[in-house]
C-alpha atoms as a PDB file:
ATOM      1  CA  MET A   1     -81.339  83.382  14.503  1.00  0.00           C
ATOM      2  CA  ALA A   2     -79.090  83.746  17.532  1.00  0.00           C
ATOM      3  CA  ASP A   3     -78.043  86.960  19.290  1.00  0.00           C
ATOM      4  CA  LEU A   4     -74.441  87.741  20.197  1.00  0.00           C
ATOM      5  CA  GLN A   5     -73.311  90.118  22.795  1.00  0.00           C
ATOM      6  CA  ILE A   6     -69.733  91.417  22.621  1.00  0.00           C
ATOM      7  CA  LYS A   7     -68.366  93.074  25.730  1.00  0.00           C
ATOM      8  CA  ASN A   8     -65.470  95.409  26.467  1.00  0.00           C
ATOM      9  CA  ILE A   9     -65.095  96.984  23.047  1.00  0.00           C
ATOM     10  CA  ASP A  10     -62.628  99.711  23.279  1.00  0.00           C
ATOM     11  CA  PRO A  11     -63.479 103.205  22.153  1.00  0.00           C
ATOM     12  CA  VAL A  12     -61.202 103.116  19.109  1.00  0.00           C
ATOM     13  CA  ILE A  13     -62.816 100.143  17.639  1.00  0.00           C
ATOM     14  CA  GLN A  14     -66.331 101.385  18.461  1.00  0.00           C
ATOM     15  CA  GLU A  15     -65.718 104.747  16.668  1.00  0.00           C
ATOM     16  CA  ARG A  16     -64.117 102.937  13.671  1.00  0.00           C
ATOM     17  CA  MET A  17     -67.177 100.586  13.237  1.00  0.00           C
ATOM     18  CA  ARG A  18     -69.484 103.612  13.574  1.00  0.00           C
ATOM     19  CA  ASP A  19     -67.563 105.579  10.942  1.00  0.00           C
ATOM     20  CA  LEU A  20     -67.421 102.559   8.553  1.00  0.00           C
ATOM     21  CA  ALA A  21     -70.989 101.848   9.103  1.00  0.00           C
ATOM     22  CA  LEU A  22     -72.022 105.417   8.186  1.00  0.00           C
ATOM     23  CA  ARG A  23     -69.893 105.309   5.126  1.00  0.00           C
ATOM     24  CA  ARG A  24     -71.857 102.310   3.805  1.00  0.00           C
ATOM     25  CA  GLY A  25     -75.245 103.498   5.200  1.00  0.00           C
ATOM     26  CA  TRP A  26     -75.497 100.676   7.522  1.00  0.00           C
ATOM     27  CA  SER A  27     -76.253 100.530  11.213  1.00  0.00           C
ATOM     28  CA  ILE A  28     -73.429  99.320  13.446  1.00  0.00           C
ATOM     29  CA  ASN A  29     -75.256  95.940  13.779  1.00  0.00           C
ATOM     30  CA  GLU A  30     -75.479  95.649  10.013  1.00  0.00           C
ATOM     31  CA  PHE A  31     -71.760  96.424   9.669  1.00  0.00           C
ATOM     32  CA  ALA A  32     -70.812  93.935  12.476  1.00  0.00           C
ATOM     33  CA  LEU A  33     -72.844  91.182  10.593  1.00  0.00           C
ATOM     34  CA  HIS A  34     -71.157  91.977   7.310  1.00  0.00           C
ATOM     35  CA  ALA A  35     -67.799  91.969   9.060  1.00  0.00           C
ATOM     36  CA  LEU A  36     -68.419  88.533  10.667  1.00  0.00           C
ATOM     37  CA  ARG A  37     -69.511  87.050   7.388  1.00  0.00           C
ATOM     38  CA  TYR A  38     -66.384  88.252   5.648  1.00  0.00           C
ATOM     39  CA  VAL A  39     -64.116  87.127   8.508  1.00  0.00           C
ATOM     40  CA  VAL A  40     -65.609  83.589   8.715  1.00  0.00           C
ATOM     41  CA  GLY A  41     -65.264  83.206   5.003  1.00  0.00           C
ATOM     42  CA  LEU A  42     -69.052  83.416   4.241  1.00  0.00           C
ATOM     43  CA  SER A  43     -68.745  86.624   2.097  1.00  0.00           C
ATOM     44  CA  SER A  44     -66.147  87.815  -0.252  1.00  0.00           C
ATOM     45  CA  GLU A  45     -67.306  91.379   0.097  1.00  0.00           C
ATOM     46  CA  HIS A  46     -64.945  93.384   2.278  1.00  0.00           C
ATOM     47  CA  PRO A  47     -67.144  95.223   4.844  1.00  0.00           C
ATOM     48  CA  CYS A  48     -65.194  98.435   4.301  1.00  0.00           C
ATOM     49  CA  GLY A  49     -65.950  98.231   0.537  1.00  0.00           C
ATOM     50  CA  GLN A  50     -62.561  99.271  -0.508  1.00  0.00           C
ATOM     51  CA  ASP A  51     -58.951  98.035  -1.097  1.00  0.00           C
ATOM     52  CA  ARG A  52     -57.087  98.757   2.155  1.00  0.00           C
ATOM     53  CA  GLN A  53     -53.874  98.959   0.242  1.00  0.00           C
ATOM     54  CA  ASP A  54     -55.213 101.769  -1.969  1.00  0.00           C
ATOM     55  CA  ILE A  55     -53.247 104.965  -1.140  1.00  0.00           C
ATOM     56  CA  ALA A  56     -56.422 107.082  -1.234  1.00  0.00           C
ATOM     57  CA  THR A  57     -57.825 104.795   1.819  1.00  0.00           C
ATOM     58  CA  MET A  58     -54.616 105.041   3.756  1.00  0.00           C
ATOM     59  CA  ARG A  59     -54.551 108.802   4.341  1.00  0.00           C
ATOM     60  CA  GLY A  60     -54.203 109.763   7.978  1.00  0.00           C
ATOM     61  CA  VAL A  61     -52.930 106.386   9.238  1.00  0.00           C
ATOM     62  CA  TRP A  62     -49.294 107.515   9.979  1.00  0.00           C
ATOM     63  CA  ASN A  63     -48.456 107.738  13.625  1.00  0.00           C
ATOM     64  CA  GLN A  64     -46.114 110.263  14.986  1.00  0.00           C
ATOM     65  CA  SER A  65     -42.840 108.380  14.646  1.00  0.00           C
ATOM     66  CA  GLU A  66     -43.705 107.360  11.036  1.00  0.00           C
ATOM     67  CA  ASN A  67     -44.498 110.957  10.316  1.00  0.00           C
ATOM     68  CA  GLN A  68     -41.124 111.909  11.765  1.00  0.00           C
ATOM     69  CA  ALA A  69     -39.239 109.125   9.673  1.00  0.00           C
ATOM     70  CA  PHE A  70     -40.909 110.451   6.475  1.00  0.00           C
ATOM     71  CA  ARG A  71     -39.904 113.990   7.229  1.00  0.00           C
ATOM     72  CA  GLU A  72     -36.261 113.067   7.860  1.00  0.00           C
ATOM     73  CA  ALA A  73     -36.262 110.984   4.713  1.00  0.00           C
ATOM     74  CA  ILE A  74     -37.493 114.065   2.625  1.00  0.00           C
ATOM     75  CA  GLU A  75     -34.909 116.169   4.366  1.00  0.00           C
ATOM     76  CA  ALA A  76     -32.139 113.723   3.349  1.00  0.00           C
ATOM     77  CA  PHE A  77     -33.119 114.451  -0.331  1.00  0.00           C
ATOM     78  CA  ARG A  78     -32.819 118.106   0.144  1.00  0.00           C
ATOM     79  CA  GLU A  79     -29.089 117.766   1.181  1.00  0.00           C
ATOM     80  CA  VAL A  80     -28.215 115.888  -2.056  1.00  0.00           C
ATOM     81  CA  GLU A  81     -26.541 118.186  -4.546  1.00  0.00           C
ATOM     82  CA  SER A  82     -27.427 116.851  -8.065  1.00  0.00           C
ATOM     83  CA  GLY A  83     -29.411 117.865 -10.955  1.00  0.00           C
ATOM     84  CA  PRO A  84     -31.973 116.076 -12.966  1.00  0.00           C
ATOM     85  CA  THR A  85     -30.498 112.824 -14.455  1.00  0.00           C
ATOM     86  CA  PHE A  86     -31.575 113.588 -17.959  1.00  0.00           C
ATOM     87  CA  GLU A  87     -29.248 116.663 -18.196  1.00  0.00           C
ATOM     88  CA  SER A  88     -25.967 115.968 -20.038  1.00  0.00           C
ATOM     89  CA  PRO A  89     -22.819 116.864 -18.030  1.00  0.00           C
ATOM     90  CA  ASP A  90     -21.737 118.939 -21.063  1.00  0.00           C
ATOM     91  CA  LYS A  91     -23.471 122.457 -20.509  1.00  0.00           C
ATOM     92  CA  SER A  92     -22.270 123.632 -23.942  1.00  0.00           C
ATOM     93  CA  GLY A  93     -25.026 121.699 -25.822  1.00  0.00           C
ATOM     94  CA  LYS A  94     -22.572 119.686 -27.808  1.00  0.00           C
END
């Protein structure tokens, strides 16, 4: 088997790889090998072991501008004056 050395890995990638490896109980080298196999099409098992579109796995990924946009959108709902759509406009119950 050949060895591969990857240089200039930025700290964010290194930290993410370490966290993902720990979650799976792998070393960083094992994680890198699984990720390479997946990326080149030799494995169908995602190295993260989860659906990245699952809302539970997406927590904490908003940046500051996305968070602000979400808050502004929620605030817009607070300004709308309407009741629940299941109520009839006739309050007398007829």
